[in-house]
Amino acid sequence: MPRSQSTRPHSSEISPCAKAGGDTLSSQSGLPFPDPHFLKILRPLVEAYQAFLQVSDRNIASMGLTRGQFDVIVTLGRTEGLRCTDIAHETLVTKGTLTGVLSRLEKKKLVTRTQNPQDKRGQIIRLTPAGDALYEKVFPRHIRHLESYFERSLTPEEMDMIRPLLLRMRDTFRGGSKGEKRPSRSS
């Protein structure tokens, strides 16, 4: 069955109330109800995240690593070694992906696995001397690379202001739908 033409009104046909976020049954987004307020930041947030990943991943790849490998090396570089469950908790690498990342790092002779003295079934993952040397090289280089982007877009004060807001958003999404809805703030 062929699709019917969109009945979404052209932006010039949307009522002024809908454009201002009023209580009408049409909206700029084409939703059959007023635009939720968060739509104003949703797309810019996702676009900023995607642009960040592009810049970050390109720099990490120039150092011969994947995002997951870099994350594990940086996390281990600040420790004397961690259990796999701790690495999964401390990095952005999923548990399902971690095994492959660790195997590839082991093949590159950047990490080593030893038996956990407190749990004979577990392992401790540590950087090798080559892994330590790579950490000392790639971490500062990557931080300097990213720093220029942040400094061009935000002042230190703005970074201080945005951090708690981002953490609150993260915690809300991690908590799922269990959290209470915060009262709306008016400007």
N, C-alpha and C. Protein backbone atom coordinates (compact mmCIF):
# COMPACT_ATOMS: atom_id res chain seq x y z
N MET A 1 0.84 -1.17 0.00
CA MET A 1 0.00 0.00 0.00
C MET A 1 0.90 1.24 0.00
N PRO A 2 0.67 2.19 -0.91
CA PRO A 2 1.52 3.37 -0.96
C PRO A 2 1.29 4.26 0.25
N ARG A 3 2.37 4.94 0.63
CA ARG A 3 2.28 5.87 1.76
C ARG A 3 1.51 7.11 1.34
N SER A 4 0.73 7.62 2.25
CA SER A 4 0.03 8.87 1.96
C SER A 4 0.97 10.03 2.20
N GLN A 5 0.72 11.13 1.55
CA GLN A 5 1.56 12.30 1.73
C GLN A 5 1.42 12.79 3.16
N SER A 6 2.48 13.37 3.65
CA SER A 6 2.49 13.85 5.02
C SER A 6 1.42 14.92 5.23
N THR A 7 0.77 14.80 6.36
CA THR A 7 -0.22 15.82 6.72
C THR A 7 0.40 16.83 7.68
N ARG A 8 1.70 16.72 7.88
CA ARG A 8 2.40 17.64 8.77
C ARG A 8 2.36 19.04 8.15
N PRO A 9 1.94 20.02 8.91
CA PRO A 9 1.86 21.36 8.35
C PRO A 9 3.24 21.96 8.12
N HIS A 10 3.35 22.78 7.10
CA HIS A 10 4.57 23.52 6.84
C HIS A 10 4.77 24.48 8.00
N SER A 11 6.03 24.80 8.34
CA SER A 11 6.29 25.63 9.53
C SER A 11 5.57 26.97 9.46
N SER A 12 5.33 27.48 8.26
CA SER A 12 4.61 28.76 8.18
C SER A 12 3.13 28.60 8.50
N GLU A 13 2.63 27.34 8.48
CA GLU A 13 1.22 27.08 8.76
C GLU A 13 0.96 26.78 10.22
N ILE A 14 2.02 26.63 11.02
CA ILE A 14 1.85 26.29 12.43
C ILE A 14 1.44 27.55 13.18
N SER A 15 0.50 27.39 14.06
CA SER A 15 -0.03 28.55 14.79
C SER A 15 1.05 29.19 15.65
N PRO A 16 0.96 30.49 15.89
CA PRO A 16 1.93 31.18 16.74
C PRO A 16 2.00 30.56 18.14
N CYS A 17 0.88 30.04 18.64
CA CYS A 17 0.90 29.40 19.97
C CYS A 17 1.79 28.17 19.96
N ALA A 18 1.72 27.38 18.89
CA ALA A 18 2.54 26.18 18.81
C ALA A 18 4.00 26.57 18.71
N LYS A 19 4.31 27.60 17.94
CA LYS A 19 5.69 28.04 17.81
C LYS A 19 6.23 28.54 19.15
N ALA A 20 5.40 29.11 19.95
CA ALA A 20 5.83 29.62 21.26
C ALA A 20 5.73 28.55 22.33
N GLY A 21 5.32 27.34 21.96
CA GLY A 21 5.21 26.26 22.94
C GLY A 21 3.89 26.30 23.67
N GLY A 22 2.86 26.87 23.05
CA GLY A 22 1.55 26.97 23.70
C GLY A 22 0.82 25.65 23.70
N ASP A 23 -0.38 25.68 24.25
CA ASP A 23 -1.15 24.46 24.40
C ASP A 23 -2.06 24.22 23.20
N THR A 24 -1.48 24.00 22.05
CA THR A 24 -2.27 23.69 20.87
C THR A 24 -2.01 22.24 20.50
N LEU A 25 -2.73 21.76 19.53
CA LEU A 25 -2.57 20.37 19.14
C LEU A 25 -1.58 20.18 18.00
N SER A 26 -0.87 21.20 17.61
CA SER A 26 0.17 21.04 16.60
C SER A 26 1.46 21.61 17.14
N SER A 27 2.58 21.21 16.51
CA SER A 27 3.87 21.67 17.00
C SER A 27 4.83 21.77 15.84
N GLN A 28 5.96 22.41 16.07
CA GLN A 28 6.97 22.52 15.03
C GLN A 28 7.54 21.17 14.67
N SER A 29 7.59 20.25 15.60
CA SER A 29 8.16 18.94 15.32
C SER A 29 7.20 18.02 14.59
N GLY A 30 5.97 18.46 14.42
CA GLY A 30 4.98 17.61 13.77
C GLY A 30 4.29 16.67 14.73
N LEU A 31 4.62 16.77 16.01
CA LEU A 31 3.97 15.92 17.00
C LEU A 31 2.53 16.39 17.17
N PRO A 32 1.62 15.49 17.49
CA PRO A 32 0.21 15.88 17.64
C PRO A 32 -0.08 16.53 18.99
N PHE A 33 0.96 17.05 19.65
CA PHE A 33 0.81 17.73 20.93
C PHE A 33 1.95 18.74 21.03
N PRO A 34 1.89 19.65 21.97
CA PRO A 34 2.96 20.65 22.09
C PRO A 34 4.33 19.99 22.29
N ASP A 35 5.35 20.61 21.74
CA ASP A 35 6.71 20.08 21.88
C ASP A 35 7.12 19.98 23.34
N PRO A 36 7.62 18.81 23.75
CA PRO A 36 8.20 18.74 25.09
C PRO A 36 9.40 19.70 25.16
N HIS A 37 9.58 20.35 26.26
CA HIS A 37 10.62 21.37 26.40
C HIS A 37 12.02 20.81 26.13
N PHE A 38 12.26 19.55 26.50
CA PHE A 38 13.60 18.97 26.34
C PHE A 38 14.04 18.84 24.89
N LEU A 39 13.08 18.90 23.94
CA LEU A 39 13.46 18.79 22.53
C LEU A 39 14.39 19.93 22.11
N LYS A 40 14.36 21.04 22.83
CA LYS A 40 15.24 22.16 22.52
C LYS A 40 16.71 21.79 22.71
N ILE A 41 16.99 20.87 23.62
CA ILE A 41 18.39 20.51 23.87
C ILE A 41 18.75 19.11 23.39
N LEU A 42 17.76 18.29 23.06
CA LEU A 42 18.04 16.91 22.69
C LEU A 42 18.97 16.80 21.49
N ARG A 43 18.58 17.41 20.39
CA ARG A 43 19.40 17.30 19.18
C ARG A 43 20.79 17.93 19.36
N PRO A 44 20.89 19.15 19.92
CA PRO A 44 22.24 19.69 20.13
C PRO A 44 23.10 18.81 21.04
N LEU A 45 22.48 18.19 22.05
CA LEU A 45 23.22 17.30 22.95
C LEU A 45 23.77 16.10 22.19
N VAL A 46 22.92 15.47 21.40
CA VAL A 46 23.34 14.30 20.62
C VAL A 46 24.38 14.70 19.58
N GLU A 47 24.17 15.82 18.92
CA GLU A 47 25.15 16.27 17.92
C GLU A 47 26.49 16.60 18.56
N ALA A 48 26.48 17.19 19.75
CA ALA A 48 27.74 17.48 20.45
C ALA A 48 28.45 16.19 20.82
N TYR A 49 27.69 15.21 21.30
CA TYR A 49 28.26 13.90 21.66
C TYR A 49 28.87 13.23 20.43
N GLN A 50 28.14 13.23 19.32
CA GLN A 50 28.64 12.59 18.10
C GLN A 50 29.89 13.31 17.58
N ALA A 51 29.88 14.64 17.61
CA ALA A 51 31.05 15.40 17.15
C ALA A 51 32.25 15.14 18.05
N PHE A 52 32.01 15.07 19.37
CA PHE A 52 33.08 14.75 20.31
C PHE A 52 33.69 13.38 20.00
N LEU A 53 32.82 12.38 19.80
CA LEU A 53 33.33 11.03 19.52
C LEU A 53 34.14 11.00 18.23
N GLN A 54 33.70 11.73 17.22
CA GLN A 54 34.44 11.77 15.96
C GLN A 54 35.85 12.31 16.16
N VAL A 55 35.95 13.44 16.86
CA VAL A 55 37.26 14.07 17.11
C VAL A 55 38.11 13.16 17.99
N SER A 56 37.52 12.63 19.04
CA SER A 56 38.25 11.78 19.98
C SER A 56 38.70 10.48 19.32
N ASP A 57 37.79 9.80 18.64
CA ASP A 57 38.13 8.52 18.00
C ASP A 57 39.20 8.67 16.93
N ARG A 58 39.14 9.76 16.18
CA ARG A 58 40.15 9.99 15.13
C ARG A 58 41.53 10.14 15.76
N ASN A 59 41.62 10.88 16.87
CA ASN A 59 42.90 11.06 17.54
C ASN A 59 43.39 9.75 18.15
N ILE A 60 42.49 9.00 18.76
CA ILE A 60 42.87 7.70 19.35
C ILE A 60 43.35 6.75 18.26
N ALA A 61 42.64 6.72 17.14
CA ALA A 61 43.04 5.84 16.03
C ALA A 61 44.42 6.23 15.49
N SER A 62 44.76 7.51 15.51
CA SER A 62 46.08 7.95 15.04
C SER A 62 47.19 7.40 15.93
N MET A 63 46.84 6.96 17.13
CA MET A 63 47.80 6.37 18.06
C MET A 63 47.79 4.84 17.99
N GLY A 64 47.03 4.29 17.03
CA GLY A 64 46.99 2.85 16.83
C GLY A 64 46.08 2.10 17.78
N LEU A 65 45.10 2.78 18.35
CA LEU A 65 44.20 2.15 19.33
C LEU A 65 42.75 2.37 18.95
N THR A 66 41.90 1.52 19.50
CA THR A 66 40.46 1.74 19.41
C THR A 66 40.03 2.50 20.66
N ARG A 67 38.81 3.02 20.65
CA ARG A 67 38.27 3.72 21.83
C ARG A 67 38.31 2.82 23.06
N GLY A 68 37.88 1.56 22.91
CA GLY A 68 37.86 0.63 24.04
C GLY A 68 39.25 0.33 24.56
N GLN A 69 40.22 0.12 23.65
CA GLN A 69 41.59 -0.14 24.08
C GLN A 69 42.17 1.05 24.83
N PHE A 70 41.92 2.24 24.30
CA PHE A 70 42.41 3.45 24.95
C PHE A 70 41.80 3.58 26.35
N ASP A 71 40.52 3.35 26.46
CA ASP A 71 39.82 3.47 27.74
C ASP A 71 40.40 2.50 28.77
N VAL A 72 40.66 1.27 28.36
CA VAL A 72 41.22 0.27 29.27
C VAL A 72 42.65 0.65 29.68
N ILE A 73 43.47 1.08 28.72
CA ILE A 73 44.85 1.47 29.03
C ILE A 73 44.88 2.64 30.00
N VAL A 74 44.04 3.65 29.76
CA VAL A 74 44.00 4.82 30.64
C VAL A 74 43.51 4.43 32.03
N THR A 75 42.53 3.56 32.10
CA THR A 75 42.02 3.13 33.40
C THR A 75 43.07 2.32 34.16
N LEU A 76 43.73 1.40 33.48
CA LEU A 76 44.76 0.60 34.14
C LEU A 76 46.00 1.43 34.48
N GLY A 77 46.26 2.46 33.69
CA GLY A 77 47.44 3.29 33.91
C GLY A 77 47.42 4.03 35.23
N ARG A 78 46.28 4.13 35.84
CA ARG A 78 46.16 4.83 37.13
C ARG A 78 46.09 3.84 38.29
N THR A 79 46.36 2.56 38.03
CA THR A 79 46.22 1.53 39.08
C THR A 79 47.40 0.58 39.07
N GLU A 80 47.40 -0.32 40.03
CA GLU A 80 48.37 -1.42 40.09
C GLU A 80 47.79 -2.68 39.46
N GLY A 81 46.60 -2.55 38.88
CA GLY A 81 45.91 -3.68 38.27
C GLY A 81 44.49 -3.76 38.79
N LEU A 82 43.61 -4.30 37.97
CA LEU A 82 42.20 -4.41 38.34
C LEU A 82 41.62 -5.76 37.92
N ARG A 83 40.55 -6.15 38.60
CA ARG A 83 39.79 -7.32 38.17
C ARG A 83 38.99 -6.93 36.93
N CYS A 84 38.59 -7.89 36.14
CA CYS A 84 37.79 -7.62 34.94
C CYS A 84 36.50 -6.89 35.28
N THR A 85 35.85 -7.29 36.37
CA THR A 85 34.60 -6.62 36.75
C THR A 85 34.83 -5.15 37.10
N ASP A 86 35.99 -4.87 37.70
CA ASP A 86 36.32 -3.48 38.04
C ASP A 86 36.61 -2.67 36.78
N ILE A 87 37.29 -3.28 35.82
CA ILE A 87 37.57 -2.59 34.56
C ILE A 87 36.25 -2.28 33.85
N ALA A 88 35.35 -3.24 33.82
CA ALA A 88 34.05 -3.02 33.17
C ALA A 88 33.29 -1.89 33.86
N HIS A 89 33.41 -1.80 35.18
CA HIS A 89 32.72 -0.75 35.94
C HIS A 89 33.35 0.62 35.72
N GLU A 90 34.67 0.66 35.61
CA GLU A 90 35.41 1.93 35.53
C GLU A 90 35.53 2.49 34.12
N THR A 91 35.26 1.68 33.11
CA THR A 91 35.41 2.14 31.72
C THR A 91 34.04 2.24 31.07
N LEU A 92 34.05 2.72 29.83
CA LEU A 92 32.83 2.77 29.04
C LEU A 92 32.71 1.54 28.14
N VAL A 93 33.55 0.53 28.40
CA VAL A 93 33.55 -0.71 27.62
C VAL A 93 32.53 -1.66 28.24
N THR A 94 31.64 -2.21 27.43
CA THR A 94 30.65 -3.15 27.95
C THR A 94 31.32 -4.47 28.33
N LYS A 95 30.70 -5.18 29.24
CA LYS A 95 31.26 -6.47 29.67
C LYS A 95 31.43 -7.42 28.50
N GLY A 96 30.48 -7.40 27.57
CA GLY A 96 30.55 -8.29 26.41
C GLY A 96 31.71 -7.97 25.49
N THR A 97 32.10 -6.72 25.43
CA THR A 97 33.19 -6.28 24.55
C THR A 97 34.55 -6.39 25.24
N LEU A 98 34.55 -6.33 26.56
CA LEU A 98 35.80 -6.27 27.32
C LEU A 98 36.72 -7.45 27.06
N THR A 99 36.19 -8.65 26.97
CA THR A 99 37.02 -9.84 26.75
C THR A 99 37.84 -9.70 25.47
N GLY A 100 37.20 -9.26 24.39
CA GLY A 100 37.90 -9.07 23.12
C GLY A 100 38.94 -7.97 23.19
N VAL A 101 38.60 -6.87 23.86
CA VAL A 101 39.53 -5.75 24.00
C VAL A 101 40.77 -6.22 24.77
N LEU A 102 40.55 -6.94 25.87
CA LEU A 102 41.69 -7.42 26.67
C LEU A 102 42.53 -8.41 25.88
N SER A 103 41.89 -9.28 25.10
CA SER A 103 42.65 -10.24 24.29
C SER A 103 43.53 -9.52 23.26
N ARG A 104 42.98 -8.50 22.62
CA ARG A 104 43.77 -7.75 21.62
C ARG A 104 44.92 -6.99 22.29
N LEU A 105 44.66 -6.42 23.47
CA LEU A 105 45.73 -5.72 24.19
C LEU A 105 46.80 -6.70 24.66
N GLU A 106 46.38 -7.89 25.03
CA GLU A 106 47.34 -8.93 25.43
C GLU A 106 48.20 -9.36 24.25
N LYS A 107 47.59 -9.51 23.07
CA LYS A 107 48.35 -9.86 21.86
C LYS A 107 49.36 -8.78 21.50
N LYS A 108 49.01 -7.52 21.79
CA LYS A 108 49.93 -6.40 21.54
C LYS A 108 50.97 -6.27 22.65
N LYS A 109 50.90 -7.18 23.64
CA LYS A 109 51.80 -7.19 24.79
C LYS A 109 51.73 -5.90 25.61
N LEU A 110 50.50 -5.38 25.73
CA LEU A 110 50.28 -4.16 26.50
C LEU A 110 49.67 -4.44 27.87
N VAL A 111 49.01 -5.61 28.02
CA VAL A 111 48.47 -6.02 29.32
C VAL A 111 48.87 -7.46 29.59
N THR A 112 48.82 -7.79 30.85
CA THR A 112 49.06 -9.16 31.28
C THR A 112 47.98 -9.55 32.28
N ARG A 113 47.67 -10.84 32.30
CA ARG A 113 46.68 -11.36 33.24
C ARG A 113 47.40 -12.26 34.25
N THR A 114 47.10 -12.03 35.53
CA THR A 114 47.65 -12.90 36.57
C THR A 114 46.51 -13.35 37.45
N GLN A 115 46.75 -14.46 38.15
CA GLN A 115 45.72 -14.97 39.03
C GLN A 115 45.51 -14.01 40.20
N ASN A 116 44.25 -13.80 40.55
CA ASN A 116 43.90 -12.93 41.66
C ASN A 116 44.21 -13.68 42.95
N PRO A 117 45.11 -13.17 43.80
CA PRO A 117 45.46 -13.89 45.04
C PRO A 117 44.29 -14.01 46.02
N GLN A 118 43.27 -13.14 45.90
CA GLN A 118 42.13 -13.19 46.81
C GLN A 118 40.97 -14.01 46.25
N ASP A 119 41.04 -14.34 44.96
CA ASP A 119 39.97 -15.12 44.33
C ASP A 119 40.63 -15.99 43.25
N LYS A 120 40.84 -17.25 43.57
CA LYS A 120 41.58 -18.15 42.66
C LYS A 120 40.91 -18.31 41.31
N ARG A 121 39.61 -17.99 41.22
CA ARG A 121 38.92 -18.10 39.92
C ARG A 121 39.08 -16.84 39.08
N GLY A 122 39.47 -15.73 39.73
CA GLY A 122 39.55 -14.45 39.03
C GLY A 122 40.95 -14.10 38.58
N GLN A 123 41.02 -13.04 37.81
CA GLN A 123 42.30 -12.56 37.30
C GLN A 123 42.46 -11.07 37.62
N ILE A 124 43.72 -10.67 37.67
CA ILE A 124 44.07 -9.25 37.78
C ILE A 124 44.71 -8.87 36.45
N ILE A 125 44.23 -7.79 35.88
CA ILE A 125 44.77 -7.29 34.61
C ILE A 125 45.66 -6.11 34.94
N ARG A 126 46.90 -6.15 34.41
CA ARG A 126 47.87 -5.08 34.65
C ARG A 126 48.49 -4.66 33.33
N LEU A 127 48.94 -3.41 33.29
CA LEU A 127 49.72 -2.98 32.14
C LEU A 127 51.11 -3.59 32.22
N THR A 128 51.65 -3.98 31.08
CA THR A 128 53.03 -4.42 30.99
C THR A 128 53.91 -3.16 30.96
N PRO A 129 55.23 -3.32 31.02
CA PRO A 129 56.08 -2.12 30.85
C PRO A 129 55.80 -1.39 29.53
N ALA A 130 55.52 -2.14 28.46
CA ALA A 130 55.17 -1.49 27.18
C ALA A 130 53.83 -0.77 27.30
N GLY A 131 52.90 -1.36 28.03
CA GLY A 131 51.60 -0.72 28.27
C GLY A 131 51.74 0.55 29.08
N ASP A 132 52.61 0.50 30.12
CA ASP A 132 52.88 1.70 30.93
C ASP A 132 53.48 2.81 30.07
N ALA A 133 54.43 2.44 29.21
CA ALA A 133 55.06 3.44 28.34
C ALA A 133 54.04 4.05 27.38
N LEU A 134 53.15 3.20 26.86
CA LEU A 134 52.11 3.71 25.96
C LEU A 134 51.16 4.63 26.71
N TYR A 135 50.77 4.26 27.92
CA TYR A 135 49.91 5.12 28.74
C TYR A 135 50.55 6.49 28.95
N GLU A 136 51.82 6.51 29.31
CA GLU A 136 52.53 7.77 29.56
C GLU A 136 52.59 8.63 28.30
N LYS A 137 52.52 8.01 27.15
CA LYS A 137 52.58 8.75 25.88
C LYS A 137 51.19 9.20 25.42
N VAL A 138 50.21 8.28 25.40
CA VAL A 138 48.92 8.57 24.76
C VAL A 138 47.98 9.39 25.63
N PHE A 139 48.00 9.17 26.94
CA PHE A 139 47.04 9.89 27.78
C PHE A 139 47.26 11.40 27.75
N PRO A 140 48.49 11.88 28.02
CA PRO A 140 48.68 13.34 27.97
C PRO A 140 48.44 13.91 26.57
N ARG A 141 48.82 13.17 25.55
CA ARG A 141 48.61 13.64 24.18
C ARG A 141 47.12 13.81 23.87
N HIS A 142 46.32 12.84 24.30
CA HIS A 142 44.89 12.91 24.02
C HIS A 142 44.22 14.02 24.83
N ILE A 143 44.62 14.19 26.07
CA ILE A 143 44.06 15.25 26.90
C ILE A 143 44.37 16.62 26.30
N ARG A 144 45.61 16.82 25.86
CA ARG A 144 45.97 18.11 25.23
C ARG A 144 45.15 18.33 23.96
N HIS A 145 44.93 17.27 23.20
CA HIS A 145 44.16 17.36 21.95
C HIS A 145 42.72 17.81 22.26
N LEU A 146 42.08 17.18 23.22
CA LEU A 146 40.70 17.51 23.56
C LEU A 146 40.58 18.87 24.25
N GLU A 147 41.58 19.22 25.03
CA GLU A 147 41.54 20.47 25.78
C GLU A 147 41.30 21.68 24.88
N SER A 148 41.92 21.68 23.70
CA SER A 148 41.77 22.83 22.81
C SER A 148 40.32 23.00 22.37
N TYR A 149 39.60 21.91 22.16
CA TYR A 149 38.19 22.00 21.77
C TYR A 149 37.33 22.56 22.90
N PHE A 150 37.58 22.08 24.10
CA PHE A 150 36.80 22.56 25.25
C PHE A 150 37.10 24.02 25.54
N GLU A 151 38.37 24.41 25.46
CA GLU A 151 38.73 25.79 25.75
C GLU A 151 38.19 26.77 24.72
N ARG A 152 38.00 26.31 23.48
CA ARG A 152 37.44 27.18 22.44
C ARG A 152 35.95 27.38 22.60
N SER A 153 35.28 26.46 23.30
CA SER A 153 33.82 26.56 23.38
C SER A 153 33.30 26.95 24.76
N LEU A 154 34.05 26.68 25.82
CA LEU A 154 33.55 26.94 27.18
C LEU A 154 34.63 27.59 28.04
N THR A 155 34.22 28.49 28.90
CA THR A 155 35.14 29.04 29.89
C THR A 155 35.25 28.03 31.03
N PRO A 156 36.28 28.15 31.87
CA PRO A 156 36.36 27.27 33.04
C PRO A 156 35.12 27.36 33.93
N GLU A 157 34.57 28.56 34.05
CA GLU A 157 33.37 28.74 34.87
C GLU A 157 32.17 28.00 34.26
N GLU A 158 32.05 28.06 32.94
CA GLU A 158 30.95 27.35 32.27
C GLU A 158 31.11 25.84 32.41
N MET A 159 32.36 25.36 32.36
CA MET A 159 32.59 23.92 32.56
C MET A 159 32.18 23.52 33.97
N ASP A 160 32.48 24.38 34.95
CA ASP A 160 32.07 24.10 36.33
C ASP A 160 30.55 24.08 36.46
N MET A 161 29.87 24.95 35.72
CA MET A 161 28.41 25.01 35.78
C MET A 161 27.76 23.81 35.10
N ILE A 162 28.31 23.38 33.97
CA ILE A 162 27.65 22.32 33.18
C ILE A 162 27.89 20.93 33.77
N ARG A 163 28.99 20.74 34.47
CA ARG A 163 29.31 19.41 35.01
C ARG A 163 28.20 18.84 35.88
N PRO A 164 27.72 19.56 36.90
CA PRO A 164 26.67 18.96 37.74
C PRO A 164 25.38 18.69 36.96
N LEU A 165 25.10 19.49 35.96
CA LEU A 165 23.90 19.26 35.15
C LEU A 165 24.04 17.98 34.34
N LEU A 166 25.21 17.78 33.75
CA LEU A 166 25.44 16.55 32.98
C LEU A 166 25.41 15.32 33.88
N LEU A 167 25.99 15.44 35.06
CA LEU A 167 25.97 14.31 36.01
C LEU A 167 24.55 13.99 36.44
N ARG A 168 23.73 15.02 36.66
CA ARG A 168 22.34 14.79 37.04
C ARG A 168 21.59 14.09 35.91
N MET A 169 21.82 14.53 34.66
CA MET A 169 21.18 13.86 33.52
C MET A 169 21.62 12.40 33.44
N ARG A 170 22.94 12.17 33.57
CA ARG A 170 23.45 10.81 33.52
C ARG A 170 22.79 9.94 34.57
N ASP A 171 22.74 10.43 35.80
CA ASP A 171 22.16 9.66 36.89
C ASP A 171 20.68 9.38 36.66
N THR A 172 19.96 10.34 36.09
CA THR A 172 18.54 10.14 35.81
C THR A 172 18.36 9.04 34.77
N PHE A 173 19.17 9.07 33.70
CA PHE A 173 19.05 8.04 32.68
C PHE A 173 19.48 6.68 33.22
N ARG A 174 20.50 6.65 34.04
CA ARG A 174 20.94 5.37 34.63
C ARG A 174 19.88 4.81 35.55
N GLY A 175 19.12 5.69 36.22
CA GLY A 175 18.08 5.25 37.13
C GLY A 175 16.82 4.80 36.43
N GLY A 176 16.75 5.00 35.10
CA GLY A 176 15.57 4.61 34.35
C GLY A 176 14.37 5.44 34.73
N SER A 177 13.22 4.84 34.70
CA SER A 177 11.98 5.56 34.99
C SER A 177 11.64 5.53 36.48
N LYS A 178 12.56 5.06 37.30
CA LYS A 178 12.30 4.92 38.73
C LYS A 178 12.27 6.27 39.45
N GLY A 179 13.06 7.23 38.94
CA GLY A 179 13.18 8.50 39.65
C GLY A 179 11.92 9.34 39.56
N GLU A 180 11.79 10.24 40.53
CA GLU A 180 10.65 11.15 40.52
C GLU A 180 10.93 12.26 39.53
N LYS A 181 9.89 12.79 38.96
CA LYS A 181 10.02 13.90 38.05
C LYS A 181 10.33 15.15 38.85
N ARG A 182 11.34 15.89 38.39
CA ARG A 182 11.71 17.14 39.05
C ARG A 182 10.70 18.21 38.69
N PRO A 183 10.40 19.10 39.61
CA PRO A 183 9.50 20.19 39.27
C PRO A 183 10.14 21.06 38.19
N SER A 184 9.30 21.59 37.29
CA SER A 184 9.85 22.42 36.22
C SER A 184 10.32 23.74 36.81
N ARG A 185 11.38 24.24 36.19
CA ARG A 185 11.93 25.52 36.64
C ARG A 185 11.55 26.58 35.63
N SER A 186 11.05 27.66 36.10
CA SER A 186 10.72 28.75 35.18
C SER A 186 11.83 29.77 35.24
N SER A 187 12.06 30.43 34.11
CA SER A 187 13.15 31.40 34.05
C SER A 187 12.74 32.73 34.60
